Amino acid sequence: MTSKGKIYSRDPGAMRCLSCHLNSLCLSADLPLEEMAQVSDIVRPAVTLGKREVLRSQGAAFDSLFIVRTGSLKQVVVTDSDEYLVTAFYLPAELIGLDAIAQCVFPGTFVALETTTVCEIPFDLLDQLCDLSTVVRRRCQQCLSHEIFDERLKLHLLLCRTAEVRLACFFEAVSERFRLRGYSPHHFRLALSRSDIASYLGLTPETVGRVLVSYQRQSLLIAHGSEYRILDLEGLKSLAAANGRRHRHREA
């Protein structure tokens, strides 16, 4: 114990964050050793979800944040008009539930795309820890800021862009996310279906399929089921940076 509260727990399991290979990317990233141990002390042991298993349902009371340890999940929102929307997907080390804090309910359903493990952080305990540690509070603020920035950037990149540019932006971002996790940025497996990708980008599955065929003809990217191989990453980045706006009389 210190004047600021507990630093280390006597429970060996509470040190799991210190030994996790993802700790440089998740909520504990860049925290000093003592603060990382404090965060580790409130993290519940990872739980495993089977493919298509639900972590939290839309409208459920918000009680915890979650960090993906292995696998991936998607967030699905069903609108008042029964429209099914994929609004986010999460890879290892990414934080789930930040968009639920304000309304105290989860705005969407989180579905495992494959066998997935997640760590749970009870929000009331995290909130108490933020009162004790300005470093942890600042880290949480950074996570929120990144979330806002990413959402605004996504809106800016996708608004009125052609399908070709939207897909290029998407695969460039996915490539970078895999690179940051120590995986190949050129060859990866993505558990999202074509329909999920289409929903996420505001396109139709047929359009996504047509664009992927076009990419293969241009020697930019090859897709085989859920396996994607980027042949020309710089070319894909150039396409993503293009101001490719769609014509009003065309459907993206």
Protein backbone atom coordinates (compact mmCIF):
# COMPACT_ATOMS: atom_id res chain seq x y z
CA MET A 1 0.00 0.00 0.00
CA THR A 2 0.99 3.61 -0.57
CA SER A 3 -0.66 6.95 0.14
CA LYS A 4 -2.26 6.70 -3.30
CA GLY A 5 -3.67 3.23 -2.77
CA LYS A 6 -2.63 -0.31 -3.56
CA ILE A 7 0.26 -0.75 -5.97
CA TYR A 8 0.90 -4.47 -6.01
CA SER A 9 -1.45 -7.31 -5.17
CA ARG A 10 -0.27 -10.47 -3.43
CA ASP A 11 -2.33 -12.42 -5.96
CA PRO A 12 0.13 -13.65 -8.65
CA GLY A 13 -2.70 -13.54 -11.17
CA ALA A 14 -2.94 -9.79 -10.71
CA MET A 15 0.42 -9.40 -12.48
CA ARG A 16 -0.94 -10.82 -15.75
CA CYS A 17 -0.70 -7.46 -17.56
CA LEU A 18 3.03 -7.25 -16.85
CA SER A 19 3.70 -10.48 -18.73
CA CYS A 20 1.13 -10.05 -21.51
CA HIS A 21 2.68 -9.64 -24.96
CA LEU A 22 0.04 -7.02 -25.82
CA ASN A 23 0.71 -4.67 -22.92
CA SER A 24 2.50 -2.18 -25.18
CA LEU A 25 -0.71 -1.68 -27.18
CA CYS A 26 -3.65 -1.89 -24.78
CA LEU A 27 -4.85 0.26 -21.87
CA SER A 28 -1.66 -0.37 -19.90
CA ALA A 29 0.57 0.87 -22.73
CA ASP A 30 3.31 3.32 -21.64
CA LEU A 31 2.29 3.12 -18.00
CA PRO A 32 5.06 3.03 -15.37
CA LEU A 33 5.54 -0.34 -13.71
CA GLU A 34 3.60 0.57 -10.55
CA GLU A 35 0.58 1.92 -12.45
CA MET A 36 0.61 -1.07 -14.79
CA ALA A 37 0.45 -3.33 -11.75
CA GLN A 38 -2.50 -1.35 -10.40
CA VAL A 39 -4.39 -1.79 -13.67
CA SER A 40 -3.47 -5.47 -13.71
CA ASP A 41 -4.88 -5.80 -10.22
CA ILE A 42 -8.41 -4.89 -11.36
CA VAL A 43 -8.42 -6.82 -14.64
CA ARG A 44 -10.46 -10.01 -14.47
CA PRO A 45 -9.01 -13.19 -15.99
CA ALA A 46 -9.54 -13.59 -19.71
CA VAL A 47 -12.67 -15.42 -20.81
CA THR A 48 -13.12 -17.34 -24.04
CA LEU A 49 -15.93 -16.82 -26.53
CA GLY A 50 -16.81 -19.24 -29.30
CA LYS A 51 -17.47 -18.07 -32.83
CA ARG A 52 -20.75 -16.09 -33.02
CA GLU A 53 -21.01 -15.97 -29.23
CA VAL A 54 -22.20 -12.63 -27.84
CA LEU A 55 -20.07 -10.70 -25.36
CA ARG A 56 -22.68 -8.03 -24.57
CA SER A 57 -26.01 -7.29 -26.26
CA GLN A 58 -27.28 -3.98 -27.55
CA GLY A 59 -29.05 -2.12 -24.76
CA ALA A 60 -27.39 -4.07 -21.95
CA ALA A 61 -26.32 -2.02 -18.93
CA PHE A 62 -22.73 -0.82 -19.19
CA ASP A 63 -20.59 -2.27 -16.43
CA SER A 64 -17.18 -3.03 -17.90
CA LEU A 65 -14.69 -2.27 -20.62
CA PHE A 66 -13.11 -5.20 -22.45
CA ILE A 67 -9.76 -5.73 -24.13
CA VAL A 68 -9.38 -8.28 -26.91
CA ARG A 69 -6.57 -10.68 -26.12
CA THR A 70 -6.89 -13.09 -29.04
CA GLY A 71 -9.30 -13.34 -31.95
CA SER A 72 -11.64 -10.58 -33.10
CA LEU A 73 -15.17 -9.24 -32.62
CA LYS A 74 -17.60 -7.03 -34.48
CA GLN A 75 -20.09 -4.51 -33.13
CA VAL A 76 -23.57 -4.81 -34.64
CA VAL A 77 -26.26 -2.14 -34.26
CA VAL A 78 -29.89 -2.78 -35.15
CA THR A 79 -31.67 0.50 -35.89
CA ASP A 80 -35.29 1.38 -35.12
CA SER A 81 -36.12 0.45 -38.71
CA ASP A 82 -34.51 -3.01 -38.20
CA GLU A 83 -31.48 -2.13 -40.31
CA TYR A 84 -28.45 -4.28 -39.46
CA LEU A 85 -25.23 -2.26 -39.31
CA VAL A 86 -21.66 -3.34 -38.58
CA THR A 87 -20.25 -0.25 -36.89
CA ALA A 88 -16.88 -1.49 -35.60
CA PHE A 89 -14.57 -4.46 -35.40
CA TYR A 90 -11.88 -5.18 -32.87
CA LEU A 91 -8.49 -6.88 -33.05
CA PRO A 92 -6.15 -7.95 -30.21
CA ALA A 93 -5.28 -5.20 -27.69
CA GLU A 94 -8.20 -3.01 -28.76
CA LEU A 95 -10.60 -1.61 -26.19
CA ILE A 96 -14.32 -2.39 -26.35
CA GLY A 97 -17.05 -0.32 -24.73
CA LEU A 98 -15.75 3.25 -24.78
CA ASP A 99 -18.87 4.33 -26.69
CA ALA A 100 -21.09 2.98 -23.88
CA ILE A 101 -19.80 5.24 -21.10
CA ALA A 102 -22.01 8.28 -21.77
CA GLN A 103 -25.39 6.51 -21.97
CA CYS A 104 -24.47 3.71 -19.52
CA VAL A 105 -25.72 1.11 -22.03
CA PHE A 106 -23.96 -0.72 -24.83
CA PRO A 107 -25.06 0.82 -28.15
CA GLY A 108 -24.48 -2.39 -30.08
CA THR A 109 -24.04 -6.14 -29.76
CA PHE A 110 -20.50 -7.50 -29.67
CA VAL A 111 -20.18 -10.78 -31.53
CA ALA A 112 -17.08 -12.98 -31.68
CA LEU A 113 -15.95 -13.49 -35.28
CA GLU A 114 -13.86 -16.51 -34.30
CA THR A 115 -12.68 -18.15 -31.09
CA THR A 116 -11.81 -15.09 -29.03
CA THR A 117 -10.51 -14.26 -25.56
CA VAL A 118 -11.19 -10.96 -23.81
CA CYS A 119 -10.07 -9.40 -20.55
CA GLU A 120 -12.67 -7.54 -18.52
CA ILE A 121 -12.07 -4.27 -16.64
CA PRO A 122 -14.93 -3.39 -14.27
CA PHE A 123 -15.56 0.28 -14.96
CA ASP A 124 -16.29 1.24 -11.35
CA LEU A 125 -12.87 -0.09 -10.31
CA LEU A 126 -11.17 1.67 -13.20
CA ASP A 127 -12.93 4.89 -12.25
CA GLN A 128 -11.67 4.55 -8.68
CA LEU A 129 -8.16 3.90 -9.96
CA CYS A 130 -8.31 7.05 -12.09
CA ASP A 131 -9.06 9.00 -8.88
CA LEU A 132 -5.94 7.51 -7.31
CA SER A 133 -3.59 7.84 -10.27
CA THR A 134 -3.31 10.82 -12.60
CA VAL A 135 -1.16 8.68 -14.92
CA VAL A 136 -3.89 6.07 -15.35
CA ARG A 137 -6.52 8.79 -15.79
CA ARG A 138 -4.42 10.40 -18.51
CA ARG A 139 -4.04 7.05 -20.27
CA CYS A 140 -7.82 6.56 -20.24
CA GLN A 141 -8.25 10.06 -21.67
CA GLN A 142 -5.80 9.19 -24.45
CA CYS A 143 -7.81 6.07 -25.30
CA LEU A 144 -10.99 8.15 -25.53
CA SER A 145 -9.23 10.76 -27.66
CA HIS A 146 -7.93 8.11 -30.06
CA GLU A 147 -11.44 6.68 -30.37
CA ILE A 148 -12.88 10.10 -31.28
CA PHE A 149 -10.07 10.79 -33.74
CA ASP A 150 -10.47 7.42 -35.46
CA GLU A 151 -14.23 7.88 -35.82
CA ARG A 152 -13.88 11.36 -37.33
CA LEU A 153 -11.13 10.20 -39.67
CA LYS A 154 -13.27 7.27 -40.80
CA LEU A 155 -16.19 9.61 -41.52
CA HIS A 156 -13.95 12.03 -43.42
CA LEU A 157 -12.38 9.27 -45.51
CA LEU A 158 -15.63 7.52 -46.39
CA LEU A 159 -17.98 10.44 -46.92
CA CYS A 160 -18.94 10.59 -50.61
CA ARG A 161 -15.89 8.52 -51.62
CA THR A 162 -16.07 5.91 -54.34
CA ALA A 163 -16.21 2.25 -53.41
CA GLU A 164 -12.65 1.78 -54.71
CA VAL A 165 -11.32 4.47 -52.36
CA ARG A 166 -13.36 3.22 -49.40
CA LEU A 167 -11.99 -0.31 -49.73
CA ALA A 168 -8.46 1.04 -50.16
CA CYS A 169 -8.82 3.09 -46.95
CA PHE A 170 -10.17 0.05 -45.17
CA PHE A 171 -7.39 -2.32 -46.20
CA GLU A 172 -4.69 0.26 -45.54
CA ALA A 173 -6.02 0.70 -41.99
CA VAL A 174 -6.33 -3.07 -41.42
CA SER A 175 -2.80 -3.59 -42.73
CA GLU A 176 -1.45 -1.04 -40.25
CA ARG A 177 -3.39 -2.57 -37.37
CA PHE A 178 -1.85 -5.97 -38.09
CA ARG A 179 1.62 -4.43 -38.45
CA LEU A 180 1.36 -2.81 -35.02
CA ARG A 181 0.58 -6.23 -33.55
CA GLY A 182 3.71 -7.78 -35.00
CA TYR A 183 1.98 -9.52 -37.90
CA SER A 184 2.56 -9.17 -41.61
CA PRO A 185 0.98 -6.01 -43.06
CA HIS A 186 0.89 -7.73 -46.46
CA HIS A 187 -0.72 -11.09 -45.73
CA PHE A 188 -3.40 -11.57 -43.10
CA ARG A 189 -6.61 -13.37 -42.27
CA LEU A 190 -9.66 -11.20 -41.61
CA ALA A 191 -12.64 -12.93 -39.99
CA LEU A 192 -15.12 -10.31 -41.24
CA SER A 193 -17.35 -11.61 -44.02
CA ARG A 194 -17.80 -9.68 -47.26
CA SER A 195 -21.27 -8.71 -46.05
CA ASP A 196 -19.80 -7.36 -42.80
CA ILE A 197 -17.17 -5.36 -44.68
CA ALA A 198 -19.88 -3.98 -46.96
CA SER A 199 -22.04 -2.95 -44.01
CA TYR A 200 -19.08 -1.35 -42.26
CA LEU A 201 -18.26 0.74 -45.34
CA GLY A 202 -21.82 1.54 -46.39
CA LEU A 203 -21.61 -0.55 -49.56
CA THR A 204 -23.29 -3.67 -50.91
CA PRO A 205 -21.64 -7.12 -50.85
CA GLU A 206 -21.81 -7.16 -54.65
CA THR A 207 -19.89 -3.88 -54.82
CA VAL A 208 -17.24 -5.18 -52.44
CA GLY A 209 -16.82 -8.27 -54.60
CA ARG A 210 -16.56 -6.18 -57.77
CA VAL A 211 -13.91 -3.91 -56.26
CA LEU A 212 -11.84 -6.87 -55.02
CA VAL A 213 -11.84 -8.30 -58.54
CA SER A 214 -10.72 -4.89 -59.81
CA TYR A 215 -7.90 -4.80 -57.25
CA GLN A 216 -6.71 -8.21 -58.41
CA ARG A 217 -6.67 -7.05 -62.04
CA GLN A 218 -4.58 -4.05 -60.97
CA SER A 219 -2.22 -6.32 -59.00
CA LEU A 220 -3.04 -4.45 -55.79
CA LEU A 221 -4.57 -7.20 -53.66
CA ILE A 222 -5.65 -10.82 -53.88
CA ALA A 223 -8.48 -12.23 -51.77
CA HIS A 224 -9.16 -15.91 -51.14
CA GLY A 225 -12.02 -16.31 -48.69
CA SER A 226 -10.89 -14.66 -45.46
CA GLU A 227 -7.23 -14.54 -46.57
CA TYR A 228 -5.95 -11.28 -48.03
CA ARG A 229 -2.58 -10.66 -49.66
CA ILE A 230 -1.63 -7.08 -50.47
CA LEU A 231 0.61 -7.12 -53.54
CA ASP A 232 1.20 -3.38 -53.81
CA LEU A 233 0.81 -1.62 -50.46
CA GLU A 234 2.09 1.70 -51.76
CA GLY A 235 -0.33 1.55 -54.67
CA LEU A 236 -3.16 0.82 -52.25
CA LYS A 237 -2.10 3.77 -50.08
CA SER A 238 -2.05 6.05 -53.12
CA LEU A 239 -5.55 4.97 -54.03
CA ALA A 240 -6.70 5.53 -50.44
CA ALA A 241 -5.26 9.05 -50.48
CA ALA A 242 -7.00 9.91 -53.74
CA ASN A 243 -9.87 12.37 -53.61
CA GLY A 244 -12.10 9.86 -55.34
CA ARG A 245 -15.57 11.25 -54.88
CA ARG A 246 -18.50 9.39 -56.32
CA HIS A 247 -20.91 10.97 -58.77
CA ARG A 248 -24.32 11.76 -57.35
CA HIS A 249 -26.16 9.70 -59.94
CA ARG A 250 -24.08 6.63 -59.08
CA GLU A 251 -24.49 4.23 -56.19
CA ALA A 252 -21.19 3.66 -54.37
